[in-house]
């Protein structure tokens, strides 16, 4: 692989993980408003891509005080993955050097 290809992969992974983090943060905010209709636009833009991650996590992590904390857990997981892969000393970043 050339350095240009690795750089493009780095950007693509970084962008994907940033978007996922943003969507999980939106899910956290949406939990504050349980009366919203999740199947309607624009809420479904945040719910549809994150729900496949949250469903299995909800089976492992019970709500705390009636609050679903799985989006918070996923923000942490995605941030860790981003740091390990494309952070300042991430695996893909080091390959491109």
N, C-alpha and C. Protein backbone atom coordinates (compact mmCIF):
# COMPACT_ATOMS: atom_id res chain seq x y z
N UNK A 1 0.83 -1.19 0.00
CA UNK A 1 0.00 0.00 0.00
C UNK A 1 0.87 1.24 0.00
N UNK A 2 0.43 2.21 -0.75
CA UNK A 2 1.18 3.45 -0.80
C UNK A 2 0.75 4.36 0.36
N UNK A 3 1.54 5.37 0.60
CA UNK A 3 1.23 6.32 1.68
C UNK A 3 -0.07 7.07 1.38
N UNK A 4 -0.35 7.32 0.11
CA UNK A 4 -1.60 8.01 -0.24
C UNK A 4 -2.82 7.15 0.08
N UNK A 5 -2.72 5.85 -0.21
CA UNK A 5 -3.83 4.95 0.10
C UNK A 5 -4.07 4.88 1.61
N UNK A 6 -3.00 4.78 2.36
CA UNK A 6 -3.11 4.71 3.81
C UNK A 6 -3.70 6.00 4.35
N UNK A 7 -3.31 7.12 3.76
CA UNK A 7 -3.86 8.41 4.19
C UNK A 7 -5.36 8.48 3.91
N UNK A 8 -5.79 7.99 2.76
CA UNK A 8 -7.22 7.98 2.44
C UNK A 8 -7.99 7.05 3.38
N UNK A 9 -7.42 5.90 3.69
CA UNK A 9 -8.06 4.98 4.64
C UNK A 9 -8.16 5.63 6.00
N UNK A 10 -7.11 6.32 6.41
CA UNK A 10 -7.08 7.02 7.69
C UNK A 10 -8.21 8.06 7.75
N UNK A 11 -8.36 8.83 6.70
CA UNK A 11 -9.40 9.86 6.66
C UNK A 11 -10.80 9.22 6.68
N UNK A 12 -10.98 8.16 5.90
CA UNK A 12 -12.29 7.50 5.83
C UNK A 12 -12.69 6.91 7.18
N UNK A 13 -11.77 6.23 7.83
CA UNK A 13 -12.07 5.64 9.14
C UNK A 13 -12.32 6.73 10.17
N UNK A 14 -11.50 7.75 10.14
CA UNK A 14 -11.66 8.86 11.09
C UNK A 14 -13.01 9.53 10.91
N UNK A 15 -13.39 9.81 9.68
CA UNK A 15 -14.67 10.45 9.40
C UNK A 15 -15.84 9.57 9.84
N UNK A 16 -15.76 8.29 9.54
CA UNK A 16 -16.82 7.36 9.94
C UNK A 16 -16.98 7.33 11.45
N UNK A 17 -15.88 7.25 12.17
CA UNK A 17 -15.94 7.19 13.62
C UNK A 17 -16.41 8.51 14.24
N UNK A 18 -16.06 9.62 13.64
CA UNK A 18 -16.55 10.92 14.12
C UNK A 18 -18.06 11.01 13.93
N UNK A 19 -18.54 10.58 12.78
CA UNK A 19 -19.99 10.61 12.51
C UNK A 19 -20.72 9.70 13.49
N UNK A 20 -20.18 8.51 13.74
CA UNK A 20 -20.82 7.60 14.69
C UNK A 20 -20.84 8.19 16.10
N UNK A 21 -19.77 8.83 16.50
CA UNK A 21 -19.74 9.49 17.81
C UNK A 21 -20.81 10.56 17.88
N UNK A 22 -20.92 11.36 16.84
CA UNK A 22 -21.93 12.41 16.79
C UNK A 22 -23.35 11.83 16.87
N UNK A 23 -23.59 10.72 16.16
CA UNK A 23 -24.91 10.09 16.19
C UNK A 23 -25.23 9.53 17.58
N UNK A 24 -24.24 8.96 18.24
CA UNK A 24 -24.47 8.45 19.60
C UNK A 24 -24.73 9.60 20.57
N UNK A 25 -24.06 10.72 20.39
CA UNK A 25 -24.33 11.89 21.24
C UNK A 25 -25.75 12.39 20.99
N UNK A 26 -26.18 12.39 19.74
CA UNK A 26 -27.58 12.75 19.43
C UNK A 26 -28.54 11.79 20.11
N UNK A 27 -28.20 10.50 20.13
CA UNK A 27 -29.06 9.54 20.82
C UNK A 27 -29.15 9.85 22.31
N UNK A 28 -28.05 10.28 22.90
CA UNK A 28 -28.07 10.65 24.31
C UNK A 28 -29.04 11.81 24.52
N UNK A 29 -28.97 12.80 23.66
CA UNK A 29 -29.87 13.96 23.77
C UNK A 29 -31.32 13.52 23.54
N UNK A 30 -31.56 12.63 22.58
CA UNK A 30 -32.92 12.18 22.29
C UNK A 30 -33.53 11.42 23.47
N UNK A 31 -32.71 10.82 24.32
CA UNK A 31 -33.28 10.12 25.48
C UNK A 31 -33.90 11.10 26.47
N UNK A 32 -33.54 12.36 26.38
CA UNK A 32 -34.12 13.37 27.27
C UNK A 32 -35.55 13.72 26.85
N UNK A 33 -35.92 13.35 25.63
CA UNK A 33 -37.24 13.66 25.09
C UNK A 33 -37.95 12.37 24.67
N UNK A 34 -38.50 11.63 25.62
CA UNK A 34 -39.11 10.33 25.27
C UNK A 34 -40.38 10.46 24.44
N UNK A 35 -40.96 11.65 24.35
CA UNK A 35 -42.21 11.82 23.62
C UNK A 35 -42.00 11.96 22.11
N UNK A 36 -40.75 12.06 21.65
CA UNK A 36 -40.54 12.21 20.20
C UNK A 36 -40.91 10.93 19.47
N UNK A 37 -41.27 11.09 18.22
CA UNK A 37 -41.60 9.94 17.39
C UNK A 37 -40.34 9.54 16.63
N UNK A 38 -39.74 8.45 17.08
CA UNK A 38 -38.43 8.05 16.57
C UNK A 38 -38.44 7.60 15.11
N UNK A 39 -39.59 7.29 14.57
CA UNK A 39 -39.64 6.83 13.18
C UNK A 39 -39.78 7.98 12.18
N UNK A 40 -39.91 9.19 12.69
CA UNK A 40 -40.08 10.34 11.80
C UNK A 40 -38.76 11.07 11.57
N UNK A 41 -38.68 11.70 10.39
CA UNK A 41 -37.55 12.54 10.04
C UNK A 41 -37.55 13.75 10.96
N UNK A 42 -36.45 14.22 11.44
CA UNK A 42 -35.05 13.87 11.26
C UNK A 42 -34.52 12.92 12.32
N UNK A 43 -35.37 12.50 13.26
CA UNK A 43 -34.90 11.66 14.36
C UNK A 43 -34.42 10.30 13.87
N UNK A 44 -35.04 9.77 12.82
CA UNK A 44 -34.65 8.46 12.32
C UNK A 44 -33.23 8.47 11.74
N UNK A 45 -32.71 9.65 11.38
CA UNK A 45 -31.34 9.73 10.87
C UNK A 45 -30.31 9.39 11.95
N UNK A 46 -30.65 9.65 13.19
CA UNK A 46 -29.75 9.30 14.30
C UNK A 46 -30.07 7.93 14.85
N UNK A 47 -31.31 7.52 14.78
CA UNK A 47 -31.72 6.27 15.41
C UNK A 47 -31.39 5.05 14.54
N UNK A 48 -31.64 5.12 13.25
CA UNK A 48 -31.45 3.96 12.38
C UNK A 48 -30.00 3.43 12.37
N UNK A 49 -28.98 4.27 12.24
CA UNK A 49 -27.62 3.71 12.20
C UNK A 49 -27.09 3.27 13.57
N UNK A 50 -27.64 3.78 14.65
CA UNK A 50 -27.11 3.45 15.97
C UNK A 50 -27.84 2.30 16.65
N UNK A 51 -29.06 2.07 16.27
CA UNK A 51 -29.86 1.04 16.94
C UNK A 51 -29.25 -0.36 16.85
N UNK A 52 -28.65 -0.77 15.72
CA UNK A 52 -28.02 -2.10 15.69
C UNK A 52 -26.90 -2.27 16.72
N UNK A 53 -26.27 -1.19 17.12
CA UNK A 53 -25.23 -1.26 18.15
C UNK A 53 -25.84 -1.27 19.55
N UNK A 54 -26.93 -0.54 19.72
CA UNK A 54 -27.52 -0.38 21.04
C UNK A 54 -28.34 -1.58 21.49
N UNK A 55 -28.98 -2.28 20.58
CA UNK A 55 -29.83 -3.41 20.96
C UNK A 55 -29.03 -4.49 21.70
N UNK A 56 -27.91 -4.98 21.17
CA UNK A 56 -27.16 -5.99 21.93
C UNK A 56 -26.56 -5.42 23.22
N UNK A 57 -26.17 -4.16 23.20
CA UNK A 57 -25.60 -3.54 24.39
C UNK A 57 -26.63 -3.44 25.51
N UNK A 58 -27.88 -3.21 25.15
CA UNK A 58 -28.95 -3.13 26.15
C UNK A 58 -29.18 -4.48 26.83
N UNK A 59 -28.88 -5.56 26.13
CA UNK A 59 -29.02 -6.89 26.74
C UNK A 59 -27.94 -7.13 27.79
N UNK A 60 -26.78 -6.50 27.60
CA UNK A 60 -25.66 -6.67 28.53
C UNK A 60 -25.65 -5.63 29.65
N UNK A 61 -26.10 -4.41 29.35
CA UNK A 61 -26.03 -3.31 30.30
C UNK A 61 -27.44 -2.86 30.65
N UNK A 62 -27.87 -3.13 31.87
CA UNK A 62 -29.23 -2.72 32.26
C UNK A 62 -29.30 -1.21 32.49
N UNK A 63 -30.49 -0.64 32.40
CA UNK A 63 -30.63 0.80 32.70
C UNK A 63 -30.26 1.08 34.16
N UNK A 64 -29.68 2.22 34.38
CA UNK A 64 -29.33 2.65 35.73
C UNK A 64 -30.32 3.72 36.14
N UNK A 65 -31.11 3.43 37.14
CA UNK A 65 -32.13 4.39 37.58
C UNK A 65 -33.14 4.69 36.50
N UNK A 66 -33.41 3.73 35.64
CA UNK A 66 -34.36 3.93 34.56
C UNK A 66 -33.79 4.66 33.35
N UNK A 67 -32.48 4.91 33.36
CA UNK A 67 -31.84 5.65 32.27
C UNK A 67 -30.98 4.68 31.45
N UNK A 68 -31.21 4.68 30.14
CA UNK A 68 -30.44 3.85 29.22
C UNK A 68 -29.07 4.49 29.02
N UNK A 69 -28.02 3.82 29.50
CA UNK A 69 -26.67 4.39 29.39
C UNK A 69 -25.88 3.81 28.23
N UNK A 70 -26.50 2.94 27.43
CA UNK A 70 -25.75 2.31 26.35
C UNK A 70 -25.20 3.30 25.31
N UNK A 71 -25.91 4.40 24.98
CA UNK A 71 -25.28 5.35 24.05
C UNK A 71 -24.00 5.97 24.63
N UNK A 72 -23.99 6.18 25.94
CA UNK A 72 -22.79 6.74 26.58
C UNK A 72 -21.64 5.75 26.50
N UNK A 73 -21.96 4.48 26.72
CA UNK A 73 -20.94 3.43 26.62
C UNK A 73 -20.38 3.38 25.20
N UNK A 74 -21.26 3.50 24.21
CA UNK A 74 -20.80 3.44 22.81
C UNK A 74 -19.98 4.66 22.41
N UNK A 75 -20.27 5.81 22.99
CA UNK A 75 -19.42 6.98 22.72
C UNK A 75 -18.00 6.68 23.19
N UNK A 76 -17.89 6.07 24.36
CA UNK A 76 -16.57 5.70 24.86
C UNK A 76 -15.88 4.67 24.01
N UNK A 77 -16.62 3.65 23.57
CA UNK A 77 -16.04 2.59 22.74
C UNK A 77 -15.56 3.15 21.40
N UNK A 78 -16.40 3.95 20.75
CA UNK A 78 -16.03 4.52 19.45
C UNK A 78 -14.84 5.47 19.60
N UNK A 79 -14.81 6.23 20.67
CA UNK A 79 -13.67 7.14 20.90
C UNK A 79 -12.38 6.35 21.11
N UNK A 80 -12.47 5.25 21.83
CA UNK A 80 -11.29 4.40 22.04
C UNK A 80 -10.82 3.80 20.72
N UNK A 81 -11.75 3.28 19.94
CA UNK A 81 -11.39 2.70 18.64
C UNK A 81 -10.74 3.76 17.75
N UNK A 82 -11.30 4.95 17.75
CA UNK A 82 -10.73 6.02 16.93
C UNK A 82 -9.31 6.36 17.37
N UNK A 83 -9.09 6.42 18.67
CA UNK A 83 -7.75 6.74 19.16
C UNK A 83 -6.76 5.63 18.81
N UNK A 84 -7.17 4.38 18.94
CA UNK A 84 -6.28 3.26 18.67
C UNK A 84 -5.95 3.17 17.17
N UNK A 85 -6.91 3.44 16.31
CA UNK A 85 -6.69 3.30 14.88
C UNK A 85 -6.10 4.54 14.22
N UNK A 86 -6.69 5.70 14.47
CA UNK A 86 -6.31 6.89 13.71
C UNK A 86 -5.89 8.06 14.60
N UNK A 87 -5.65 7.78 15.86
CA UNK A 87 -5.19 8.85 16.76
C UNK A 87 -3.77 9.26 16.42
N UNK A 88 -3.21 10.11 17.22
CA UNK A 88 -1.87 10.64 16.96
C UNK A 88 -0.83 9.52 16.86
N UNK A 89 -0.99 8.48 17.66
CA UNK A 89 -0.10 7.32 17.59
C UNK A 89 -0.88 6.05 17.27
N UNK A 90 -1.93 6.19 16.47
CA UNK A 90 -2.78 5.06 16.11
C UNK A 90 -2.10 4.13 15.12
N UNK A 91 -2.65 2.95 15.01
CA UNK A 91 -2.06 1.92 14.16
C UNK A 91 -2.00 2.35 12.69
N UNK A 92 -3.10 2.87 12.17
CA UNK A 92 -3.11 3.28 10.76
C UNK A 92 -2.27 4.53 10.55
N UNK A 93 -2.28 5.41 11.52
CA UNK A 93 -1.44 6.62 11.42
C UNK A 93 0.04 6.23 11.36
N UNK A 94 0.42 5.25 12.16
CA UNK A 94 1.82 4.81 12.18
C UNK A 94 2.21 4.13 10.86
N UNK A 95 1.25 3.42 10.24
CA UNK A 95 1.54 2.78 8.95
C UNK A 95 1.83 3.83 7.86
N UNK A 96 1.14 4.95 7.95
CA UNK A 96 1.32 6.00 6.95
C UNK A 96 2.60 6.80 7.11
N UNK A 97 3.24 6.66 8.25
CA UNK A 97 4.48 7.43 8.50
C UNK A 97 5.67 6.83 7.83
